[in-house]
Amino acid sequence: MASGSKEERLLLPLRVGEHCHDWKKSQDICLSLIDDDEEAVRANAALGLAYVARTKGRLEKHQVKPALLMLLKTSQEYRWRIIDAIEDINMFLDWKIGQKAVERFKNESDQ
């Protein structure tokens, strides 16, 4: 996946999140892109995970949670997208990951 163009890496997690029937494969592709060099690609990987949660109703919490919390801490420009992805995943899967951190970052951005 690292060999694809930036445009391809940006679109891949969104496409697999919506259209791939294999939730595990979709999740694994998105998780692999969370380590991409480009912050926009990492943010789209988080959004792709939210799409998997919405369309497949399933993710592996023990893998997804640490990846999203790491992105939340390290993202600057696209933190809003990470927050949206976390909130969507929490809603679709009835999880409660990162709620305190999300609120803290939201409050910081309001000031």
PDB file of N, CA and C in Angstrom:
ATOM      1  N   MET A   1       0.804  -1.198   0.000  1.00  0.00           N
ATOM      2  CA  MET A   1       0.000   0.000   0.000  1.00  0.00           C
ATOM      3  C   MET A   1       0.847   1.261   0.000  1.00  0.00           C
ATOM      4  N   ALA A   2       2.007   1.173   0.584  1.00  0.00           N
ATOM      5  CA  ALA A   2       2.887   2.334   0.603  1.00  0.00           C
ATOM      6  C   ALA A   2       3.345   2.711  -0.796  1.00  0.00           C
ATOM      7  N   SER A   3       3.241   1.778  -1.734  1.00  0.00           N
ATOM      8  CA  SER A   3       3.694   2.058  -3.092  1.00  0.00           C
ATOM      9  C   SER A   3       2.667   2.835  -3.913  1.00  0.00           C
ATOM     10  N   GLY A   4       1.446   2.958  -3.439  1.00  0.00           N
ATOM     11  CA  GLY A   4       0.425   3.699  -4.168  1.00  0.00           C
ATOM     12  C   GLY A   4       0.668   5.197  -4.081  1.00  0.00           C
ATOM     13  N   SER A   5       0.062   5.928  -4.992  1.00  0.00           N
ATOM     14  CA  SER A   5       0.181   7.381  -4.945  1.00  0.00           C
ATOM     15  C   SER A   5      -0.565   7.915  -3.717  1.00  0.00           C
ATOM     16  N   LYS A   6      -0.295   9.142  -3.372  1.00  0.00           N
ATOM     17  CA  LYS A   6      -0.991   9.752  -2.234  1.00  0.00           C
ATOM     18  C   LYS A   6      -2.502   9.725  -2.471  1.00  0.00           C
ATOM     19  N   GLU A   7      -2.916  10.039  -3.668  1.00  0.00           N
ATOM     20  CA  GLU A   7      -4.351  10.038  -4.006  1.00  0.00           C
ATOM     21  C   GLU A   7      -4.963   8.650  -3.796  1.00  0.00           C
ATOM     22  N   GLU A   8      -4.255   7.622  -4.225  1.00  0.00           N
ATOM     23  CA  GLU A   8      -4.748   6.252  -4.047  1.00  0.00           C
ATOM     24  C   GLU A   8      -4.822   5.883  -2.567  1.00  0.00           C
ATOM     25  N   ARG A   9      -3.804   6.287  -1.806  1.00  0.00           N
ATOM     26  CA  ARG A   9      -3.798   5.987  -0.371  1.00  0.00           C
ATOM     27  C   ARG A   9      -4.866   6.787   0.371  1.00  0.00           C
ATOM     28  N   LEU A  10      -5.192   7.962  -0.124  1.00  0.00           N
ATOM     29  CA  LEU A  10      -6.270   8.759   0.475  1.00  0.00           C
ATOM     30  C   LEU A  10      -7.636   8.095   0.279  1.00  0.00           C
ATOM     31  N   LEU A  11      -7.859   7.538  -0.896  1.00  0.00           N
ATOM     32  CA  LEU A  11      -9.165   6.972  -1.238  1.00  0.00           C
ATOM     33  C   LEU A  11      -9.360   5.532  -0.779  1.00  0.00           C
ATOM     34  N   LEU A  12      -8.277   4.778  -0.679  1.00  0.00           N
ATOM     35  CA  LEU A  12      -8.389   3.361  -0.356  1.00  0.00           C
ATOM     36  C   LEU A  12      -9.173   3.074   0.923  1.00  0.00           C
ATOM     37  N   PRO A  13      -8.883   3.708   2.069  1.00  0.00           N
ATOM     38  CA  PRO A  13      -9.639   3.355   3.279  1.00  0.00           C
ATOM     39  C   PRO A  13     -11.119   3.706   3.177  1.00  0.00           C
ATOM     40  N   LEU A  14     -11.440   4.753   2.447  1.00  0.00           N
ATOM     41  CA  LEU A  14     -12.844   5.137   2.285  1.00  0.00           C
ATOM     42  C   LEU A  14     -13.581   4.115   1.420  1.00  0.00           C
ATOM     43  N   ARG A  15     -12.925   3.675   0.369  1.00  0.00           N
ATOM     44  CA  ARG A  15     -13.553   2.695  -0.531  1.00  0.00           C
ATOM     45  C   ARG A  15     -13.742   1.344   0.137  1.00  0.00           C
ATOM     46  N   VAL A  16     -12.698   0.851   0.820  1.00  0.00           N
ATOM     47  CA  VAL A  16     -12.856  -0.456   1.454  1.00  0.00           C
ATOM     48  C   VAL A  16     -13.835  -0.381   2.620  1.00  0.00           C
ATOM     49  N   GLY A  17     -13.854   0.749   3.314  1.00  0.00           N
ATOM     50  CA  GLY A  17     -14.785   0.908   4.422  1.00  0.00           C
ATOM     51  C   GLY A  17     -16.234   0.848   3.983  1.00  0.00           C
ATOM     52  N   GLU A  18     -16.500   1.335   2.803  1.00  0.00           N
ATOM     53  CA  GLU A  18     -17.874   1.339   2.303  1.00  0.00           C
ATOM     54  C   GLU A  18     -18.219   0.123   1.457  1.00  0.00           C
ATOM     55  N   HIS A  19     -17.272  -0.366   0.673  1.00  0.00           N
ATOM     56  CA  HIS A  19     -17.641  -1.328  -0.364  1.00  0.00           C
ATOM     57  C   HIS A  19     -17.105  -2.742  -0.194  1.00  0.00           C
ATOM     58  N   CYS A  20     -16.068  -2.945   0.580  1.00  0.00           N
ATOM     59  CA  CYS A  20     -15.524  -4.292   0.756  1.00  0.00           C
ATOM     60  C   CYS A  20     -16.432  -5.080   1.699  1.00  0.00           C
ATOM     61  N   HIS A  21     -16.769  -6.282   1.316  1.00  0.00           N
ATOM     62  CA  HIS A  21     -17.680  -7.098   2.123  1.00  0.00           C
ATOM     63  C   HIS A  21     -16.991  -7.752   3.316  1.00  0.00           C
ATOM     64  N   ASP A  22     -15.679  -7.841   3.283  1.00  0.00           N
ATOM     65  CA  ASP A  22     -14.905  -8.487   4.343  1.00  0.00           C
ATOM     66  C   ASP A  22     -14.475  -7.428   5.361  1.00  0.00           C
ATOM     67  N   TRP A  23     -15.187  -7.350   6.487  1.00  0.00           N
ATOM     68  CA  TRP A  23     -14.911  -6.318   7.487  1.00  0.00           C
ATOM     69  C   TRP A  23     -13.485  -6.410   8.014  1.00  0.00           C
ATOM     70  N   LYS A  24     -12.977  -7.623   8.189  1.00  0.00           N
ATOM     71  CA  LYS A  24     -11.634  -7.814   8.750  1.00  0.00           C
ATOM     72  C   LYS A  24     -10.574  -7.291   7.790  1.00  0.00           C
ATOM     73  N   LYS A  25     -10.731  -7.606   6.517  1.00  0.00           N
ATOM     74  CA  LYS A  25      -9.785  -7.115   5.514  1.00  0.00           C
ATOM     75  C   LYS A  25      -9.839  -5.584   5.449  1.00  0.00           C
ATOM     76  N   SER A  26     -11.034  -5.022   5.489  1.00  0.00           N
ATOM     77  CA  SER A  26     -11.193  -3.567   5.479  1.00  0.00           C
ATOM     78  C   SER A  26     -10.514  -2.944   6.689  1.00  0.00           C
ATOM     79  N   GLN A  27     -10.757  -3.519   7.852  1.00  0.00           N
ATOM     80  CA  GLN A  27     -10.144  -3.016   9.080  1.00  0.00           C
ATOM     81  C   GLN A  27      -8.624  -3.067   8.970  1.00  0.00           C
ATOM     82  N   ASP A  28      -8.098  -4.179   8.498  1.00  0.00           N
ATOM     83  CA  ASP A  28      -6.647  -4.344   8.421  1.00  0.00           C
ATOM     84  C   ASP A  28      -6.013  -3.365   7.435  1.00  0.00           C
ATOM     85  N   ILE A  29      -6.681  -3.095   6.337  1.00  0.00           N
ATOM     86  CA  ILE A  29      -6.170  -2.106   5.378  1.00  0.00           C
ATOM     87  C   ILE A  29      -6.141  -0.725   6.022  1.00  0.00           C
ATOM     88  N   CYS A  30      -7.219  -0.368   6.688  1.00  0.00           N
ATOM     89  CA  CYS A  30      -7.273   0.940   7.358  1.00  0.00           C
ATOM     90  C   CYS A  30      -6.202   1.046   8.437  1.00  0.00           C
ATOM     91  N   LEU A  31      -6.040   0.002   9.221  1.00  0.00           N
ATOM     92  CA  LEU A  31      -5.022   0.026  10.280  1.00  0.00           C
ATOM     93  C   LEU A  31      -3.615   0.139   9.703  1.00  0.00           C
ATOM     94  N   SER A  32      -3.369  -0.490   8.562  1.00  0.00           N
ATOM     95  CA  SER A  32      -2.038  -0.385   7.958  1.00  0.00           C
ATOM     96  C   SER A  32      -1.768   1.044   7.476  1.00  0.00           C
ATOM     97  N   LEU A  33      -2.809   1.749   7.065  1.00  0.00           N
ATOM     98  CA  LEU A  33      -2.637   3.122   6.579  1.00  0.00           C
ATOM     99  C   LEU A  33      -2.526   4.139   7.719  1.00  0.00           C
ATOM    100  N   ILE A  34      -2.798   3.727   8.937  1.00  0.00           N
ATOM    101  CA  ILE A  34      -2.665   4.633  10.084  1.00  0.00           C
ATOM    102  C   ILE A  34      -1.199   4.977  10.327  1.00  0.00           C
ATOM    103  N   ASP A  35      -0.288   4.203   9.768  1.00  0.00           N
ATOM    104  CA  ASP A  35       1.144   4.486   9.908  1.00  0.00           C
ATOM    105  C   ASP A  35       1.719   5.217   8.702  1.00  0.00           C
ATOM    106  N   ASP A  36       0.885   5.688   7.803  1.00  0.00           N
ATOM    107  CA  ASP A  36       1.344   6.373   6.597  1.00  0.00           C
ATOM    108  C   ASP A  36       2.099   7.653   6.953  1.00  0.00           C
ATOM    109  N   ASP A  37       2.973   8.083   6.060  1.00  0.00           N
ATOM    110  CA  ASP A  37       3.737   9.313   6.273  1.00  0.00           C
ATOM    111  C   ASP A  37       2.871  10.571   6.194  1.00  0.00           C
ATOM    112  N   GLU A  38       1.791  10.506   5.447  1.00  0.00           N
ATOM    113  CA  GLU A  38       0.926  11.672   5.232  1.00  0.00           C
ATOM    114  C   GLU A  38      -0.191  11.725   6.277  1.00  0.00           C
ATOM    115  N   GLU A  39      -0.315  12.860   6.951  1.00  0.00           N
ATOM    116  CA  GLU A  39      -1.351  13.009   7.969  1.00  0.00           C
ATOM    117  C   GLU A  39      -2.752  12.872   7.379  1.00  0.00           C
ATOM    118  N   ALA A  40      -2.966  13.356   6.175  1.00  0.00           N
ATOM    119  CA  ALA A  40      -4.285  13.241   5.547  1.00  0.00           C
ATOM    120  C   ALA A  40      -4.661  11.779   5.303  1.00  0.00           C
ATOM    121  N   VAL A  41      -3.698  10.967   4.935  1.00  0.00           N
ATOM    122  CA  VAL A  41      -3.949   9.541   4.719  1.00  0.00           C
ATOM    123  C   VAL A  41      -4.291   8.876   6.050  1.00  0.00           C
ATOM    124  N   ARG A  42      -3.549   9.223   7.100  1.00  0.00           N
ATOM    125  CA  ARG A  42      -3.830   8.651   8.427  1.00  0.00           C
ATOM    126  C   ARG A  42      -5.242   9.029   8.880  1.00  0.00           C
ATOM    127  N   ALA A  43      -5.640  10.267   8.640  1.00  0.00           N
ATOM    128  CA  ALA A  43      -6.983  10.711   9.026  1.00  0.00           C
ATOM    129  C   ALA A  43      -8.052   9.963   8.235  1.00  0.00           C
ATOM    130  N   ASN A  44      -7.823   9.740   6.952  1.00  0.00           N
ATOM    131  CA  ASN A  44      -8.779   8.986   6.148  1.00  0.00           C
ATOM    132  C   ASN A  44      -8.826   7.522   6.574  1.00  0.00           C
ATOM    133  N   ALA A  45      -7.722   7.005   7.069  1.00  0.00           N
ATOM    134  CA  ALA A  45      -7.723   5.635   7.588  1.00  0.00           C
ATOM    135  C   ALA A  45      -8.665   5.532   8.788  1.00  0.00           C
ATOM    136  N   ALA A  46      -8.639   6.544   9.649  1.00  0.00           N
ATOM    137  CA  ALA A  46      -9.568   6.564  10.786  1.00  0.00           C
ATOM    138  C   ALA A  46     -11.005   6.658  10.293  1.00  0.00           C
ATOM    139  N   LEU A  47     -11.232   7.499   9.307  1.00  0.00           N
ATOM    140  CA  LEU A  47     -12.574   7.629   8.737  1.00  0.00           C
ATOM    141  C   LEU A  47     -13.006   6.325   8.080  1.00  0.00           C
ATOM    142  N   GLY A  48     -12.083   5.637   7.432  1.00  0.00           N
ATOM    143  CA  GLY A  48     -12.385   4.328   6.854  1.00  0.00           C
ATOM    144  C   GLY A  48     -12.834   3.337   7.912  1.00  0.00           C
ATOM    145  N   LEU A  49     -12.217   3.375   9.087  1.00  0.00           N
ATOM    146  CA  LEU A  49     -12.646   2.513  10.188  1.00  0.00           C
ATOM    147  C   LEU A  49     -14.070   2.857  10.621  1.00  0.00           C
ATOM    148  N   ALA A  50     -14.393   4.137  10.620  1.00  0.00           N
ATOM    149  CA  ALA A  50     -15.764   4.544  10.954  1.00  0.00           C
ATOM    150  C   ALA A  50     -16.748   4.013   9.906  1.00  0.00           C
ATOM    151  N   TYR A  51     -16.337   4.020   8.645  1.00  0.00           N
ATOM    152  CA  TYR A  51     -17.192   3.466   7.594  1.00  0.00           C
ATOM    153  C   TYR A  51     -17.412   1.968   7.797  1.00  0.00           C
ATOM    154  N   VAL A  52     -16.355   1.253   8.203  1.00  0.00           N
ATOM    155  CA  VAL A  52     -16.484  -0.179   8.483  1.00  0.00           C
ATOM    156  C   VAL A  52     -17.480  -0.386   9.624  1.00  0.00           C
ATOM    157  N   ALA A  53     -17.355   0.415  10.660  1.00  0.00           N
ATOM    158  CA  ALA A  53     -18.286   0.308  11.795  1.00  0.00           C
ATOM    159  C   ALA A  53     -19.721   0.534  11.336  1.00  0.00           C
ATOM    160  N   ARG A  54     -19.912   1.525  10.468  1.00  0.00           N
ATOM    161  CA  ARG A  54     -21.263   1.849   9.994  1.00  0.00           C
ATOM    162  C   ARG A  54     -21.818   0.784   9.052  1.00  0.00           C
ATOM    163  N   THR A  55     -20.997   0.315   8.123  1.00  0.00           N
ATOM    164  CA  THR A  55     -21.512  -0.585   7.090  1.00  0.00           C
ATOM    165  C   THR A  55     -21.442  -2.061   7.462  1.00  0.00           C
ATOM    166  N   LYS A  56     -20.487  -2.428   8.316  1.00  0.00           N
ATOM    167  CA  LYS A  56     -20.317  -3.842   8.684  1.00  0.00           C
ATOM    168  C   LYS A  56     -20.704  -4.121  10.134  1.00  0.00           C
ATOM    169  N   GLY A  57     -20.751  -3.079  10.968  1.00  0.00           N
ATOM    170  CA  GLY A  57     -21.131  -3.251  12.371  1.00  0.00           C
ATOM    171  C   GLY A  57     -20.138  -4.033  13.199  1.00  0.00           C
ATOM    172  N   ARG A  58     -18.876  -3.996  12.768  1.00  0.00           N
ATOM    173  CA  ARG A  58     -17.898  -4.808  13.484  1.00  0.00           C
ATOM    174  C   ARG A  58     -16.486  -4.264  13.293  1.00  0.00           C
ATOM    175  N   LEU A  59     -15.733  -4.224  14.382  1.00  0.00           N
ATOM    176  CA  LEU A  59     -14.308  -3.913  14.395  1.00  0.00           C
ATOM    177  C   LEU A  59     -13.699  -4.618  15.605  1.00  0.00           C
ATOM    178  N   GLU A  60     -12.402  -4.793  15.592  1.00  0.00           N
ATOM    179  CA  GLU A  60     -11.716  -5.389  16.732  1.00  0.00           C
ATOM    180  C   GLU A  60     -11.203  -4.275  17.642  1.00  0.00           C
ATOM    181  N   LYS A  61     -11.855  -4.132  18.779  1.00  0.00           N
ATOM    182  CA  LYS A  61     -11.566  -3.033  19.689  1.00  0.00           C
ATOM    183  C   LYS A  61     -10.109  -3.030  20.148  1.00  0.00           C
ATOM    184  N   HIS A  62      -9.551  -4.204  20.410  1.00  0.00           N
ATOM    185  CA  HIS A  62      -8.183  -4.269  20.928  1.00  0.00           C
ATOM    186  C   HIS A  62      -7.149  -3.772  19.914  1.00  0.00           C
ATOM    187  N   GLN A  63      -7.513  -3.709  18.637  1.00  0.00           N
ATOM    188  CA  GLN A  63      -6.612  -3.174  17.621  1.00  0.00           C
ATOM    189  C   GLN A  63      -6.956  -1.734  17.253  1.00  0.00           C
ATOM    190  N   VAL A  64      -8.234  -1.453  17.178  1.00  0.00           N
ATOM    191  CA  VAL A  64      -8.695  -0.142  16.708  1.00  0.00           C
ATOM    192  C   VAL A  64      -8.494   0.943  17.765  1.00  0.00           C
ATOM    193  N   LYS A  65      -8.835   0.642  18.999  1.00  0.00           N
ATOM    194  CA  LYS A  65      -8.764   1.649  20.061  1.00  0.00           C
ATOM    195  C   LYS A  65      -7.372   2.269  20.203  1.00  0.00           C
ATOM    196  N   PRO A  66      -6.297   1.478  20.359  1.00  0.00           N
ATOM    197  CA  PRO A  66      -4.987   2.122  20.514  1.00  0.00           C
ATOM    198  C   PRO A  66      -4.562   2.926  19.286  1.00  0.00           C
ATOM    199  N   ALA A  67      -4.935   2.453  18.114  1.00  0.00           N
ATOM    200  CA  ALA A  67      -4.576   3.177  16.888  1.00  0.00           C
ATOM    201  C   ALA A  67      -5.267   4.533  16.836  1.00  0.00           C
ATOM    202  N   LEU A  68      -6.545   4.563  17.162  1.00  0.00           N
ATOM    203  CA  LEU A  68      -7.287   5.832  17.125  1.00  0.00           C
ATOM    204  C   LEU A  68      -6.823   6.788  18.217  1.00  0.00           C
ATOM    205  N   LEU A  69      -6.544   6.282  19.395  1.00  0.00           N
ATOM    206  CA  LEU A  69      -6.069   7.155  20.473  1.00  0.00           C
ATOM    207  C   LEU A  69      -4.698   7.734  20.147  1.00  0.00           C
ATOM    208  N   MET A  70      -3.845   6.946  19.499  1.00  0.00           N
ATOM    209  CA  MET A  70      -2.549   7.456  19.062  1.00  0.00           C
ATOM    210  C   MET A  70      -2.736   8.565  18.027  1.00  0.00           C
ATOM    211  N   LEU A  71      -3.632   8.346  17.080  1.00  0.00           N
ATOM    212  CA  LEU A  71      -3.896   9.374  16.071  1.00  0.00           C
ATOM    213  C   LEU A  71      -4.453  10.641  16.703  1.00  0.00           C
ATOM    214  N   LEU A  72      -5.319  10.481  17.658  1.00  0.00           N
ATOM    215  CA  LEU A  72      -5.910  11.638  18.336  1.00  0.00           C
ATOM    216  C   LEU A  72      -4.826  12.499  18.975  1.00  0.00           C
ATOM    217  N   LYS A  73      -3.824  11.866  19.558  1.00  0.00           N
ATOM    218  CA  LYS A  73      -2.735  12.599  20.212  1.00  0.00           C
ATOM    219  C   LYS A  73      -1.783  13.242  19.207  1.00  0.00           C
ATOM    220  N   THR A  74      -1.537  12.559  18.097  1.00  0.00           N
ATOM    221  CA  THR A  74      -0.485  13.005  17.184  1.00  0.00           C
ATOM    222  C   THR A  74      -0.981  13.859  16.023  1.00  0.00           C
ATOM    223  N   SER A  75      -2.246  13.842  15.741  1.00  0.00           N
ATOM    224  CA  SER A  75      -2.769  14.619  14.610  1.00  0.00           C
ATOM    225  C   SER A  75      -2.970  16.065  15.010  1.00  0.00           C
ATOM    226  N   GLN A  76      -2.671  16.935  14.106  1.00  0.00           N
ATOM    227  CA  GLN A  76      -2.890  18.354  14.337  1.00  0.00           C
ATOM    228  C   GLN A  76      -3.948  18.885  13.366  1.00  0.00           C
ATOM    229  N   GLU A  77      -3.580  18.891  12.114  1.00  0.00           N
ATOM    230  CA  GLU A  77      -4.432  19.485  11.082  1.00  0.00           C
ATOM    231  C   GLU A  77      -5.759  18.749  10.903  1.00  0.00           C
ATOM    232  N   TYR A  78      -5.737  17.437  11.070  1.00  0.00           N
ATOM    233  CA  TYR A  78      -6.929  16.626  10.829  1.00  0.00           C
ATOM    234  C   TYR A  78      -7.519  16.038  12.103  1.00  0.00           C
ATOM    235  N   ARG A  79      -7.212  16.616  13.245  1.00  0.00           N
ATOM    236  CA  ARG A  79      -7.738  16.077  14.504  1.00  0.00           C
ATOM    237  C   ARG A  79      -9.262  16.033  14.479  1.00  0.00           C
ATOM    238  N   TRP A  80      -9.891  17.010  13.873  1.00  0.00           N
ATOM    239  CA  TRP A  80     -11.354  17.048  13.799  1.00  0.00           C
ATOM    240  C   TRP A  80     -11.897  15.797  13.108  1.00  0.00           C
ATOM    241  N   ARG A  81     -11.183  15.294  12.103  1.00  0.00           N
ATOM    242  CA  ARG A  81     -11.634  14.105  11.392  1.00  0.00           C
ATOM    243  C   ARG A  81     -11.469  12.859  12.271  1.00  0.00           C
ATOM    244  N   ILE A  82     -10.404  12.820  13.046  1.00  0.00           N
ATOM    245  CA  ILE A  82     -10.189  11.707  13.969  1.00  0.00           C
ATOM    246  C   ILE A  82     -11.304  11.697  15.017  1.00  0.00           C
ATOM    247  N   ILE A  83     -11.633  12.872  15.530  1.00  0.00           N
ATOM    248  CA  ILE A  83     -12.712  12.980  16.516  1.00  0.00           C
ATOM    249  C   ILE A  83     -14.026  12.509  15.913  1.00  0.00           C
ATOM    250  N   ASP A  84     -14.328  12.939  14.704  1.00  0.00           N
ATOM    251  CA  ASP A  84     -15.556  12.490  14.034  1.00  0.00           C
ATOM    252  C   ASP A  84     -15.582  10.975  13.882  1.00  0.00           C
ATOM    253  N   ALA A  85     -14.445  10.398  13.493  1.00  0.00           N
ATOM    254  CA  ALA A  85     -14.367   8.947  13.311  1.00  0.00           C
ATOM    255  C   ALA A  85     -14.588   8.219  14.633  1.00  0.00           C
ATOM    256  N   ILE A  86     -13.957   8.691  15.688  1.00  0.00           N
ATOM    257  CA  ILE A  86     -14.123   8.066  17.009  1.00  0.00           C
ATOM    258  C   ILE A  86     -15.578   8.151  17.457  1.00  0.00           C
ATOM    259  N   GLU A  87     -16.176   9.311  17.292  1.00  0.00           N
ATOM    260  CA  GLU A  87     -17.572   9.467  17.708  1.00  0.00           C
ATOM    261  C   GLU A  87     -18.501   8.570  16.894  1.00  0.00           C
ATOM    262  N   ASP A  88     -18.247   8.443  15.608  1.00  0.00           N
ATOM    263  CA  ASP A  88     -19.068   7.548  14.781  1.00  0.00           C
ATOM    264  C   ASP A  88     -18.898   6.089  15.201  1.00  0.00           C
ATOM    265  N   ILE A  89     -17.667   5.680  15.408  1.00  0.00           N
ATOM    266  CA  ILE A  89     -17.412   4.301  15.835  1.00  0.00           C
ATOM    267  C   ILE A  89     -18.096   4.031  17.167  1.00  0.00           C
ATOM    268  N   ASN A  90     -17.965   4.957  18.098  1.00  0.00           N
ATOM    269  CA  ASN A  90     -18.631   4.790  19.395  1.00  0.00           C
ATOM    270  C   ASN A  90     -20.144   4.644  19.225  1.00  0.00           C
ATOM    271  N   MET A  91     -20.711   5.427  18.339  1.00  0.00           N
ATOM    272  CA  MET A  91     -22.155   5.373  18.121  1.00  0.00           C
ATOM    273  C   MET A  91     -22.571   4.052  17.455  1.00  0.00           C
ATOM    274  N   PHE A  92     -21.894   3.681  16.379  1.00  0.00           N
ATOM    275  CA  PHE A  92     -22.310   2.497  15.625  1.00  0.00           C
ATOM    276  C   PHE A  92     -22.019   1.186  16.343  1.00  0.00           C
ATOM    277  N   LEU A  93     -20.981   1.173  17.193  1.00  0.00           N
ATOM    278  CA  LEU A  93     -20.608  -0.071  17.867  1.00  0.00           C
ATOM    279  C   LEU A  93     -20.914  -0.048  19.359  1.00  0.00           C
ATOM    280  N   ASP A  94     -21.511   1.043  19.818  1.00  0.00           N
ATOM    281  CA  ASP A  94     -21.830   1.201  21.234  1.00  0.00           C
ATOM    282  C   ASP A  94     -20.582   1.064  22.101  1.00  0.00           C
ATOM    283  N   TRP A  95     -19.501   1.700  21.642  1.00  0.00           N
ATOM    284  CA  TRP A  95     -18.260   1.740  22.402  1.00  0.00           C
ATOM    285  C   TRP A  95     -18.187   3.075  23.124  1.00  0.00           C
ATOM    286  N   LYS A  96     -17.172   3.215  23.968  1.00  0.00           N
ATOM    287  CA  LYS A  96     -16.943   4.468  24.675  1.00  0.00           C
ATOM    288  C   LYS A  96     -15.454   4.809  24.669  1.00  0.00           C
ATOM    289  N   ILE A  97     -14.814   4.609  23.533  1.00  0.00           N
ATOM    290  CA  ILE A  97     -13.371   4.861  23.489  1.00  0.00           C
ATOM    291  C   ILE A  97     -13.077   6.354  23.367  1.00  0.00           C
ATOM    292  N   GLY A  98     -12.062   6.774  24.100  1.00  0.00           N
ATOM    293  CA  GLY A  98     -11.539   8.122  23.964  1.00  0.00           C
ATOM    294  C   GLY A  98     -12.470   9.253  24.324  1.00  0.00           C
ATOM    295  N   GLN A  99     -13.517   9.003  25.058  1.00  0.00           N
ATOM    296  CA  GLN A  99     -14.497  10.057  25.319  1.00  0.00           C
ATOM    297  C   GLN A  99     -13.890  11.252  26.062  1.00  0.00           C
ATOM    298  N   LYS A 100     -13.085  10.991  27.081  1.00  0.00           N
ATOM    299  CA  LYS A 100     -12.476  12.088  27.834  1.00  0.00           C
ATOM    300  C   LYS A 100     -11.488  12.860  26.970  1.00  0.00           C
ATOM    301  N   ALA A 101     -10.683  12.146  26.208  1.00  0.00           N
ATOM    302  CA  ALA A 101      -9.709  12.803  25.338  1.00  0.00           C
ATOM    303  C   ALA A 101     -10.405  13.625  24.260  1.00  0.00           C
ATOM    304  N   VAL A 102     -11.459  13.074  23.683  1.00  0.00           N
ATOM    305  CA  VAL A 102     -12.212  13.806  22.655  1.00  0.00           C
ATOM    306  C   VAL A 102     -12.786  15.091  23.245  1.00  0.00           C
ATOM    307  N   GLU A 103     -13.380  15.003  24.406  1.00  0.00           N
ATOM    308  CA  GLU A 103     -13.943  16.200  25.049  1.00  0.00           C
ATOM    309  C   GLU A 103     -12.865  17.228  25.345  1.00  0.00           C
ATOM    310  N   ARG A 104     -11.706  16.759  25.817  1.00  0.00           N
ATOM    311  CA  ARG A 104     -10.605  17.678  26.117  1.00  0.00           C
ATOM    312  C   ARG A 104     -10.166  18.407  24.847  1.00  0.00           C
ATOM    313  N   PHE A 105      -9.978  17.691  23.745  1.00  0.00           N
ATOM    314  CA  PHE A 105      -9.562  18.320  22.502  1.00  0.00           C
ATOM    315  C   PHE A 105     -10.631  19.255  21.949  1.00  0.00           C
ATOM    316  N   LYS A 106     -11.881  18.885  22.102  1.00  0.00           N
ATOM    317  CA  LYS A 106     -12.978  19.759  21.655  1.00  0.00           C
ATOM    318  C   LYS A 106     -12.980  21.057  22.455  1.00  0.00           C
ATOM    319  N   ASN A 107     -12.793  20.955  23.750  1.00  0.00           N
ATOM    320  CA  ASN A 107     -12.767  22.143  24.605  1.00  0.00           C
ATOM    321  C   ASN A 107     -11.582  23.042  24.276  1.00  0.00           C
ATOM    322  N   GLU A 108     -10.428  22.434  23.977  1.00  0.00           N
ATOM    323  CA  GLU A 108      -9.253  23.211  23.596  1.00  0.00           C
ATOM    324  C   GLU A 108      -9.500  23.967  22.301  1.00  0.00           C
ATOM    325  N   SER A 109     -10.174  23.354  21.360  1.00  0.00           N
ATOM    326  CA  SER A 109     -10.399  24.010  20.072  1.00  0.00           C
ATOM    327  C   SER A 109     -11.459  25.114  20.169  1.00  0.00           C
ATOM    328  N   ASP A 110     -12.305  25.051  21.184  1.00  0.00           N
ATOM    329  CA  ASP A 110     -13.322  26.088  21.371  1.00  0.00           C
ATOM    330  C   ASP A 110     -12.732  27.372  21.956  1.00  0.00           C
ATOM    331  N   GLN A 111     -11.562  27.267  22.533  1.00  0.00           N
ATOM    332  CA  GLN A 111     -10.959  28.444  23.191  1.00  0.00           C
ATOM    333  C   GLN A 111     -10.141  29.266  22.264  1.00  0.00           C
TER     334      GLN A 111
END
